[in-house]
Amino acid sequence: MPTDKRLRHQIDETLSFQTLLFSFNFFVSLPHHTNSIYLLLLLLCLWRFSLMAGLYSSKPTVSSSPSSSSSTSSSSYSRLFLLVTLLPLSLACLAFVLQWRGGLDDPVTRWSIDHHEFPGMVTTQEKRSLRRSVSDSGCVDLLGQSRAPSFPYFRNWKFDYDSDLKPRICITTSTSAGLEQTLPWIYFHKVIGVSTFYLFVEGKAASPNVSRVLETIPGVKVIHRTKELEEKQAKSRIWNETWLSSFFYKPCNYELFVKQSLNMEMAITMAQDAGMEWIIHLDTDELIHPSGTHEYSLRKLLGNISADVDIVIFPNYESSVERDDIREPFSEVSMFKKNYDHLLRDVYFGNYKDATRGNPNYFLTYGNGKAAARVQDHLRPNGAHRWHNYRKSPNEVKLEEAAVLHYTYPRFSDLTSRRDRCGCKPTKVDVKRCFMLEFDRAAFIIASTASSEEMLQWYREHVVWTDEKLKLKLLRKGILTRIYAPMVIIQELREAGVFSSVVIAAHMSLSNNPSTADSTSGITRESSEATGRRRVLEFHLDF
């Protein structure tokens, strides 16, 4: 049976060659301290392959004893099959043991020039050791506990760039928020490519302990609402705009809307002077979500926009909180309700009732998105959500994937904080004078008239998504969606110590300036309270 023997010969050679290939691939992926051990195994395999090849080449094609030859061949074939079966299994077990003990490196990271790790690759043990090393250093730590760059592939988070980012993008905002909200907001947008921020500050944001920290951040321009600013804005041509006249001289939301328009007008001038190419107006409870770009980059997104486009519209997604005890929305909220511009018509109208859950509208607050405008002559604000031009009708495009993530009433305390900022009477008539949106009006009345228990019950019914079946249904339909990128980026920024480094740097800068000694002592007291009780910055640090 020469043909059968030749067939078995080819099978044996194929199996041995496959074993050799597997052995070589495994060998090159092993760390150096295991190479010497496995080299012996590889040589043995090579010896077995050469021996077998020589044996077959020296065998006669015809045997004098058919039964004995058949038995011997069958036994050899069985042993060979056992060898080529056990060897890969043994190597796989060895690899598993080495990986379990942490002795097997990823060849990609080993051969990488800069040896950078990607988000989430830091182990729990490493995080604990980093936390212990920071706590032992005695440094003031407000917004994060480790200084190690666990998310370091963006220039080690130094953000030491100025003119090399193209296109140059700026964001303007009017805010009264504290550091616990503004620092994550600023640095998240730095990560995705924003280089300059114009912050018009009031309230807590204008306090010395907050504004002086913000002023130390490269690319951040802090503008206080001074008497000089108000006198300058009193001469603005905004006051001659008929489209805005119905908002003039009204309190609360209407007053904020006018201030935002005036501030946006000033920001346009500053952006032109600084050579910015794009400008975006954004609140500090909103994050740009540049979905659809390869690098999750706003620069890439706007850089690919046609040169004849003047305005880019980002439809807004609204946060859908799942708990009533959220403290840090950017790091704890992952579910959002998609804008109807990103939904099929049948899906939107077919699930409208389930999506509203008894609230006045599909979204709790606004639904017309935000816009980025190309910085050019005669550009003007067209309310807080749009831009326009005095000389032409701008060419607009609406993005099909990217969005603005609006964190709407994500904390239970937002009910009372909005109430405390407005002096309107909690009546259905007076709230119309103060608030534009039905949900804001209802929330203000509840926060002003109900007990704490009643407020919490109302909040759970109208804001918190507790019905698991409904959530699953709307997630499957595409009404709701999960977005984790901002959560991951901000958490890694915190763990890398970016936020705490900003506060410490501001603290050290003020300490070295004798003229600001009083302010320095104020920051020291605030830092000490935040470290001990975590109340000033209200950050939930969960490692």
Foldseek 3Di string as FASTA:
>chain_A
DLVVVVVLLVVLLVLLVVLLVVLVVLLVQFDPVCNVVSVVVNVVSVVVNVVSVVVVVPDDSDDPDVVVVVVVVVVVSVVSVVVSVVVVVVSVVVVVVCVVVVNGDGVVLVPDPVSADAFPPDDPVNLVVQQVVQVVVVFQAFQFRGQAQNHQPPPRLPLPDDPPFPQAEEEEEEDADALLQVVLQVSLQVVQPHQAYEYEYDHNCPDLLGVLLQVVDHRYHYHYDDPVLVVVLVPDCLCVDPLLVVLPPFAAPSVVFSVLQSRVQVVLVVCVVSVHFKYWYDYSQKHWQCPPDPVSHPNVVVVPDDPQAFKEFAWEWEWFAADQADQRCLQRTFKTFDACLQADPCLCVVCQCLCQLPPPGNDLDDGRGAMMGTRDPQKGPPISRGIAGPPDGGHYDYDNTIHMYGHPPNYLCVLQVSLVRDDWDLDPVGVVSHDVGPNNSVSNNCNVPDDPVSSSVVCCSRRHDHDPVSVVVCCVSVRMHTDCVSNSVSLSCNHSSVSRVSSSVSLVVLVVDVVNVVVSVVSVVLSVCCVVPVPSSRDDNDD
